[in-house]
N, C-alpha and C. Protein backbone atom coordinates (compact mmCIF):
# COMPACT_ATOMS: atom_id res chain seq x y z
N MET A 1 112.83 129.77 38.40
CA MET A 1 113.18 130.56 39.55
C MET A 1 111.95 130.82 40.43
N ARG A 2 110.87 131.17 39.75
CA ARG A 2 109.63 131.44 40.48
C ARG A 2 109.15 130.20 41.22
N LEU A 3 109.27 129.03 40.60
CA LEU A 3 108.86 127.77 41.20
C LEU A 3 109.68 127.49 42.45
N MET A 4 110.98 127.76 42.39
CA MET A 4 111.85 127.55 43.56
C MET A 4 111.46 128.47 44.70
N ARG A 5 111.13 129.74 44.37
CA ARG A 5 110.72 130.71 45.40
C ARG A 5 109.42 130.26 46.06
N GLU A 6 108.47 129.75 45.29
CA GLU A 6 107.20 129.28 45.85
C GLU A 6 107.42 128.06 46.75
N ARG A 7 108.30 127.15 46.32
CA ARG A 7 108.61 125.99 47.15
C ARG A 7 109.25 126.43 48.47
N HIS A 8 110.14 127.41 48.39
CA HIS A 8 110.81 127.92 49.57
C HIS A 8 109.80 128.55 50.54
N LEU A 9 108.83 129.30 50.00
CA LEU A 9 107.79 129.91 50.83
C LEU A 9 106.94 128.84 51.51
N VAL A 10 106.54 127.82 50.77
CA VAL A 10 105.73 126.75 51.32
C VAL A 10 106.52 126.01 52.39
N SER A 11 107.78 125.74 52.14
CA SER A 11 108.63 125.06 53.12
C SER A 11 108.76 125.90 54.39
N GLY A 12 108.91 127.18 54.26
CA GLY A 12 109.02 128.06 55.43
C GLY A 12 107.75 128.08 56.25
N MET A 13 106.61 128.07 55.56
CA MET A 13 105.33 128.07 56.26
C MET A 13 105.15 126.76 57.04
N LYS A 14 105.58 125.63 56.46
CA LYS A 14 105.49 124.35 57.15
C LYS A 14 106.37 124.34 58.39
N ASN A 15 107.59 124.87 58.26
CA ASN A 15 108.51 124.92 59.41
C ASN A 15 107.94 125.77 60.54
N ARG A 16 107.34 126.91 60.17
CA ARG A 16 106.73 127.77 61.20
C ARG A 16 105.56 127.07 61.88
N ALA A 17 104.77 126.36 61.12
CA ALA A 17 103.62 125.64 61.69
C ALA A 17 104.10 124.56 62.65
N VAL A 18 105.15 123.83 62.25
CA VAL A 18 105.70 122.79 63.12
C VAL A 18 106.26 123.42 64.39
N GLY A 19 106.97 124.54 64.25
CA GLY A 19 107.53 125.23 65.42
C GLY A 19 106.44 125.72 66.36
N GLN A 20 105.38 126.26 65.81
CA GLN A 20 104.28 126.74 66.65
C GLN A 20 103.58 125.57 67.35
N GLY A 21 103.43 124.46 66.64
CA GLY A 21 102.82 123.27 67.25
C GLY A 21 103.68 122.73 68.38
N LEU A 22 104.99 122.73 68.18
CA LEU A 22 105.92 122.27 69.21
C LEU A 22 105.86 123.17 70.44
N ARG A 23 105.83 124.47 70.21
CA ARG A 23 105.72 125.42 71.34
C ARG A 23 104.41 125.21 72.11
N ALA A 24 103.32 125.01 71.39
CA ALA A 24 102.03 124.78 72.04
C ALA A 24 102.06 123.50 72.87
N ALA A 25 102.70 122.46 72.34
CA ALA A 25 102.79 121.19 73.09
C ALA A 25 103.62 121.36 74.36
N VAL A 26 104.71 122.11 74.28
CA VAL A 26 105.55 122.34 75.47
C VAL A 26 104.77 123.13 76.52
N VAL A 27 104.08 124.17 76.11
CA VAL A 27 103.28 124.97 77.05
C VAL A 27 102.20 124.11 77.69
N LEU A 28 101.51 123.30 76.90
CA LEU A 28 100.47 122.42 77.43
C LEU A 28 101.07 121.43 78.43
N GLY A 29 102.22 120.86 78.12
CA GLY A 29 102.89 119.93 79.03
C GLY A 29 103.23 120.58 80.36
N ILE A 30 103.72 121.81 80.31
CA ILE A 30 104.06 122.53 81.55
C ILE A 30 102.80 122.78 82.37
N LEU A 31 101.73 123.22 81.73
CA LEU A 31 100.48 123.48 82.44
C LEU A 31 99.94 122.22 83.11
N LEU A 32 99.99 121.10 82.42
CA LEU A 32 99.51 119.84 83.00
C LEU A 32 100.39 119.41 84.17
N ALA A 33 101.68 119.60 84.06
CA ALA A 33 102.59 119.23 85.16
C ALA A 33 102.32 120.09 86.39
N VAL A 34 102.10 121.36 86.20
CA VAL A 34 101.85 122.26 87.33
C VAL A 34 100.54 121.91 88.02
N THR A 35 99.49 121.62 87.27
CA THR A 35 98.22 121.29 87.91
C THR A 35 98.31 119.98 88.67
N SER A 36 99.10 119.02 88.18
CA SER A 36 99.23 117.77 88.92
C SER A 36 100.03 117.98 90.21
N LEU A 37 100.94 118.93 90.22
CA LEU A 37 101.65 119.25 91.45
C LEU A 37 100.70 119.85 92.48
N TRP A 38 99.77 120.68 92.03
CA TRP A 38 98.80 121.27 92.95
C TRP A 38 97.88 120.21 93.53
N ALA A 39 97.63 119.15 92.80
CA ALA A 39 96.70 118.13 93.25
C ALA A 39 97.21 117.36 94.46
N HIS A 40 98.51 117.22 94.59
CA HIS A 40 99.05 116.50 95.74
C HIS A 40 99.67 117.48 96.71
N HIS A 41 99.13 117.54 97.90
CA HIS A 41 99.54 118.55 98.86
C HIS A 41 100.79 118.21 99.63
N GLY A 42 101.19 116.95 99.67
CA GLY A 42 102.37 116.58 100.46
C GLY A 42 102.14 116.87 101.93
N LEU A 43 103.11 117.50 102.56
CA LEU A 43 103.02 117.81 103.99
C LEU A 43 102.75 119.29 104.24
N ALA A 44 102.30 120.01 103.23
CA ALA A 44 102.10 121.45 103.36
C ALA A 44 101.12 121.82 104.48
N ALA A 45 100.15 120.98 104.77
CA ALA A 45 99.13 121.29 105.78
C ALA A 45 99.60 120.98 107.21
N PHE A 46 100.82 120.42 107.34
CA PHE A 46 101.28 119.95 108.65
C PHE A 46 102.51 120.70 109.13
N ASP A 47 102.62 120.81 110.45
CA ASP A 47 103.78 121.43 111.08
C ASP A 47 104.88 120.36 111.17
N THR A 48 105.83 120.42 110.26
CA THR A 48 106.87 119.40 110.20
C THR A 48 108.10 119.75 111.04
N THR A 49 107.99 120.77 111.90
CA THR A 49 109.14 121.16 112.71
C THR A 49 109.30 120.28 113.95
N HIS A 50 108.25 119.58 114.34
CA HIS A 50 108.37 118.63 115.46
C HIS A 50 107.28 117.56 115.37
N THR A 51 107.57 116.42 115.99
CA THR A 51 106.59 115.33 115.99
C THR A 51 105.91 115.24 117.35
N VAL A 52 104.73 114.64 117.34
CA VAL A 52 103.93 114.49 118.55
C VAL A 52 103.45 113.05 118.62
N ARG A 53 103.38 112.51 119.85
CA ARG A 53 102.81 111.17 120.07
C ARG A 53 101.49 111.30 120.81
N LEU A 54 100.50 110.55 120.33
CA LEU A 54 99.19 110.53 120.97
C LEU A 54 98.73 109.08 121.11
N GLU A 55 97.88 108.82 122.10
CA GLU A 55 97.34 107.47 122.33
C GLU A 55 95.83 107.53 122.42
N GLY A 56 95.21 106.41 122.06
CA GLY A 56 93.77 106.34 122.16
C GLY A 56 93.22 105.04 121.60
N THR A 57 92.00 105.14 121.06
CA THR A 57 91.27 103.97 120.56
C THR A 57 90.77 104.22 119.15
N VAL A 58 90.97 103.24 118.27
CA VAL A 58 90.52 103.34 116.88
C VAL A 58 89.00 103.34 116.83
N THR A 59 88.44 104.28 116.05
CA THR A 59 86.99 104.33 115.84
C THR A 59 86.62 103.93 114.41
N ASP A 60 87.57 104.04 113.46
CA ASP A 60 87.32 103.66 112.07
C ASP A 60 88.65 103.53 111.34
N PHE A 61 88.68 102.70 110.32
CA PHE A 61 89.85 102.54 109.47
C PHE A 61 89.36 102.53 108.04
N GLN A 62 89.81 103.49 107.24
CA GLN A 62 89.38 103.60 105.84
C GLN A 62 90.55 103.25 104.92
N TRP A 63 90.44 102.11 104.30
CA TRP A 63 91.46 101.61 103.37
C TRP A 63 91.07 102.09 101.98
N ILE A 64 91.37 103.37 101.68
CA ILE A 64 90.93 104.00 100.44
C ILE A 64 92.10 104.73 99.78
N ASN A 65 91.98 104.93 98.47
CA ASN A 65 92.96 105.75 97.73
C ASN A 65 92.53 107.20 97.75
N PRO A 66 93.41 108.17 97.69
CA PRO A 66 94.84 107.99 97.51
C PRO A 66 95.60 107.74 98.81
N HIS A 67 94.97 107.92 99.96
CA HIS A 67 95.60 107.67 101.26
C HIS A 67 94.65 106.90 102.16
N ALA A 68 95.19 106.02 102.97
CA ALA A 68 94.38 105.35 103.99
C ALA A 68 94.25 106.29 105.19
N PHE A 69 93.18 106.13 105.96
CA PHE A 69 92.95 106.96 107.15
C PHE A 69 92.54 106.09 108.33
N ILE A 70 93.07 106.42 109.48
CA ILE A 70 92.60 105.86 110.74
C ILE A 70 91.90 107.01 111.45
N PHE A 71 90.74 106.73 112.00
CA PHE A 71 90.06 107.69 112.86
C PHE A 71 90.14 107.11 114.26
N ALA A 72 90.53 107.95 115.22
CA ALA A 72 90.71 107.44 116.58
C ALA A 72 90.41 108.53 117.60
N ASP A 73 89.83 108.10 118.73
CA ASP A 73 89.64 109.01 119.85
C ASP A 73 90.97 109.08 120.58
N LEU A 74 91.62 110.25 120.49
CA LEU A 74 92.94 110.45 121.08
C LEU A 74 92.90 111.60 122.07
N THR A 75 93.78 111.54 123.04
CA THR A 75 93.90 112.60 124.03
C THR A 75 95.20 113.34 123.78
N ASP A 76 95.12 114.68 123.63
CA ASP A 76 96.34 115.45 123.38
C ASP A 76 97.09 115.74 124.68
N ASP A 77 98.20 116.46 124.58
CA ASP A 77 99.04 116.73 125.74
C ASP A 77 98.38 117.66 126.76
N LYS A 78 97.27 118.31 126.38
CA LYS A 78 96.54 119.17 127.31
C LYS A 78 95.37 118.43 127.96
N GLY A 79 95.23 117.14 127.64
CA GLY A 79 94.15 116.34 128.21
C GLY A 79 92.85 116.42 127.45
N LYS A 80 92.84 117.12 126.30
CA LYS A 80 91.62 117.26 125.51
C LYS A 80 91.45 116.04 124.60
N LYS A 81 90.27 115.41 124.69
CA LYS A 81 89.97 114.23 123.87
C LYS A 81 89.18 114.67 122.64
N ALA A 82 89.56 114.09 121.47
CA ALA A 82 88.87 114.40 120.22
C ALA A 82 89.00 113.20 119.28
N ASN A 83 88.14 113.16 118.27
CA ASN A 83 88.25 112.12 117.25
C ASN A 83 89.18 112.67 116.17
N TRP A 84 90.34 112.04 116.05
CA TRP A 84 91.39 112.49 115.16
C TRP A 84 91.32 111.77 113.81
N ARG A 85 91.65 112.51 112.78
CA ARG A 85 91.80 111.97 111.42
C ARG A 85 93.30 111.78 111.21
N LEU A 86 93.73 110.53 111.05
CA LEU A 86 95.13 110.17 110.95
C LEU A 86 95.45 109.72 109.52
N GLU A 87 96.16 110.54 108.80
CA GLU A 87 96.45 110.25 107.39
C GLU A 87 97.69 109.38 107.25
N LEU A 88 97.52 108.29 106.52
CA LEU A 88 98.62 107.37 106.23
C LEU A 88 99.06 107.56 104.77
N GLY A 89 100.00 106.74 104.32
CA GLY A 89 100.46 106.80 102.94
C GLY A 89 99.49 106.15 101.98
N SER A 90 99.94 105.97 100.76
CA SER A 90 99.12 105.33 99.73
C SER A 90 99.02 103.83 100.00
N LEU A 91 97.96 103.22 99.49
CA LEU A 91 97.76 101.80 99.72
C LEU A 91 98.90 100.97 99.15
N GLY A 92 99.39 101.34 97.99
CA GLY A 92 100.50 100.61 97.38
C GLY A 92 101.75 100.62 98.24
N MET A 93 102.09 101.79 98.75
CA MET A 93 103.28 101.91 99.59
C MET A 93 103.07 101.21 100.94
N LEU A 94 101.88 101.34 101.50
CA LEU A 94 101.60 100.71 102.79
C LEU A 94 101.70 99.19 102.70
N THR A 95 101.19 98.60 101.62
CA THR A 95 101.23 97.14 101.49
C THR A 95 102.60 96.64 101.08
N LYS A 96 103.23 97.31 100.14
CA LYS A 96 104.50 96.84 99.60
C LYS A 96 105.66 97.02 100.59
N TYR A 97 105.72 98.17 101.24
CA TYR A 97 106.86 98.47 102.10
C TYR A 97 106.52 98.57 103.58
N GLY A 98 105.25 98.74 103.90
CA GLY A 98 104.90 99.00 105.29
C GLY A 98 104.32 97.83 106.06
N GLY A 99 103.92 96.76 105.39
CA GLY A 99 103.34 95.61 106.08
C GLY A 99 101.88 95.76 106.44
N TRP A 100 101.20 96.73 105.85
CA TRP A 100 99.79 97.00 106.14
C TRP A 100 98.88 96.14 105.27
N THR A 101 97.68 95.88 105.79
CA THR A 101 96.58 95.29 105.01
C THR A 101 95.31 96.05 105.40
N SER A 102 94.23 95.71 104.75
CA SER A 102 92.95 96.35 105.07
C SER A 102 92.43 95.93 106.45
N LYS A 103 93.07 94.94 107.06
CA LYS A 103 92.63 94.45 108.38
C LYS A 103 93.66 94.71 109.49
N THR A 104 94.64 95.57 109.23
CA THR A 104 95.70 95.83 110.20
C THR A 104 95.15 96.41 111.50
N VAL A 105 94.22 97.33 111.39
CA VAL A 105 93.58 97.90 112.58
C VAL A 105 92.07 97.80 112.42
N LYS A 106 91.39 97.76 113.57
CA LYS A 106 89.92 97.73 113.53
C LYS A 106 89.37 98.54 114.69
N ARG A 107 88.11 98.84 114.58
CA ARG A 107 87.42 99.62 115.61
C ARG A 107 87.64 98.97 116.98
N GLY A 108 87.99 99.80 117.96
CA GLY A 108 88.19 99.33 119.32
C GLY A 108 89.64 99.01 119.67
N ASP A 109 90.52 98.91 118.67
CA ASP A 109 91.93 98.63 118.95
C ASP A 109 92.60 99.82 119.65
N PRO A 110 93.42 99.52 120.66
CA PRO A 110 94.23 100.60 121.23
C PRO A 110 95.33 100.96 120.24
N ILE A 111 95.71 102.24 120.21
CA ILE A 111 96.69 102.69 119.23
C ILE A 111 97.50 103.85 119.79
N ARG A 112 98.76 103.90 119.40
CA ARG A 112 99.62 105.05 119.70
C ARG A 112 100.21 105.49 118.36
N VAL A 113 100.18 106.77 118.09
CA VAL A 113 100.67 107.30 116.81
C VAL A 113 101.66 108.43 117.05
N GLN A 114 102.56 108.56 116.11
CA GLN A 114 103.51 109.66 116.12
C GLN A 114 103.50 110.31 114.75
N GLY A 115 103.47 111.63 114.71
CA GLY A 115 103.45 112.30 113.41
C GLY A 115 103.42 113.79 113.54
N PHE A 116 103.04 114.44 112.46
CA PHE A 116 102.98 115.89 112.37
C PHE A 116 101.53 116.36 112.51
N LEU A 117 101.32 117.36 113.37
CA LEU A 117 99.98 117.92 113.57
C LEU A 117 99.63 118.91 112.47
N ALA A 118 98.35 119.09 112.24
CA ALA A 118 97.86 120.06 111.27
C ALA A 118 98.21 121.47 111.74
N LYS A 119 98.62 122.31 110.81
CA LYS A 119 98.98 123.70 111.13
C LYS A 119 97.78 124.49 111.64
N ASP A 120 96.57 124.12 111.19
CA ASP A 120 95.38 124.90 111.56
C ASP A 120 94.83 124.53 112.94
N GLY A 121 95.47 123.59 113.63
CA GLY A 121 95.04 123.22 114.98
C GLY A 121 93.92 122.19 115.03
N SER A 122 93.46 121.74 113.89
CA SER A 122 92.38 120.74 113.87
C SER A 122 92.93 119.37 114.26
N PRO A 123 92.07 118.45 114.68
CA PRO A 123 92.52 117.11 115.06
C PRO A 123 92.84 116.24 113.83
N TYR A 124 93.94 116.58 113.19
CA TYR A 124 94.35 115.96 111.94
C TYR A 124 95.86 115.78 112.00
N MET A 125 96.34 114.59 111.65
CA MET A 125 97.77 114.29 111.75
C MET A 125 98.25 113.51 110.53
N SER A 126 99.46 113.83 110.08
CA SER A 126 100.17 113.01 109.11
C SER A 126 100.99 112.02 109.92
N VAL A 127 100.67 110.74 109.80
CA VAL A 127 101.26 109.72 110.67
C VAL A 127 102.60 109.24 110.13
N GLY A 128 103.60 109.22 111.01
CA GLY A 128 104.90 108.69 110.67
C GLY A 128 105.09 107.27 111.18
N ARG A 129 104.56 107.00 112.36
CA ARG A 129 104.71 105.67 112.98
C ARG A 129 103.47 105.35 113.79
N VAL A 130 103.13 104.04 113.80
CA VAL A 130 101.98 103.54 114.54
C VAL A 130 102.44 102.38 115.42
N TRP A 131 102.01 102.40 116.70
CA TRP A 131 102.25 101.29 117.62
C TRP A 131 100.93 100.59 117.84
N LEU A 132 100.92 99.28 117.58
CA LEU A 132 99.70 98.48 117.71
C LEU A 132 99.79 97.56 118.91
N THR A 133 98.71 96.85 119.17
CA THR A 133 98.66 95.88 120.26
C THR A 133 99.79 94.87 120.12
N GLY A 134 100.39 94.50 121.23
CA GLY A 134 101.47 93.52 121.22
C GLY A 134 102.82 94.10 120.88
N GLY A 135 102.91 95.43 120.79
CA GLY A 135 104.19 96.07 120.53
C GLY A 135 104.59 96.18 119.07
N ARG A 136 103.72 95.74 118.17
CA ARG A 136 104.02 95.83 116.74
C ARG A 136 104.02 97.29 116.30
N THR A 137 105.05 97.69 115.53
CA THR A 137 105.11 99.05 115.01
C THR A 137 105.15 99.02 113.48
N LEU A 138 104.49 100.00 112.89
CA LEU A 138 104.46 100.11 111.43
C LEU A 138 104.71 101.56 111.03
N GLU A 139 105.32 101.73 109.87
CA GLU A 139 105.49 103.06 109.30
C GLU A 139 104.15 103.53 108.74
N GLY A 140 103.84 104.79 108.99
CA GLY A 140 102.61 105.34 108.45
C GLY A 140 102.77 105.89 107.04
N LYS A 141 104.00 106.27 106.70
CA LYS A 141 104.31 106.82 105.37
C LYS A 141 105.54 106.11 104.83
N PRO A 142 105.42 104.82 104.52
CA PRO A 142 106.62 104.09 104.04
C PRO A 142 107.13 104.62 102.72
């Protein structure tokens, strides 16, 4: 009888240890998921209530992860000229679905873009569409 009681106690301790380990793994998984959500901002920095079109000249094109960027001297609707940071999608999405390459745009190219402006008023845009020389249009966030 005593042997059975000791086995039962040992079995119960193992079950509790497994349960505690499982709970710790679930909590750790949730914490990791939440931090990865914080890492990607999405469109939180942009005013998505309306789109704006701007025109100008490309000054730089950065084909980098996690997002490609076009820098361009653009004139806003008030006539103010600034060097804008134009955020595109990921390289994988741009190449697979958008028709982009690392040579799609280059310094000096004329460009027209449509997208969402930064909420803070800085010259920063999330690009939805790009019009290139010759009338070619590409999605900025395919």
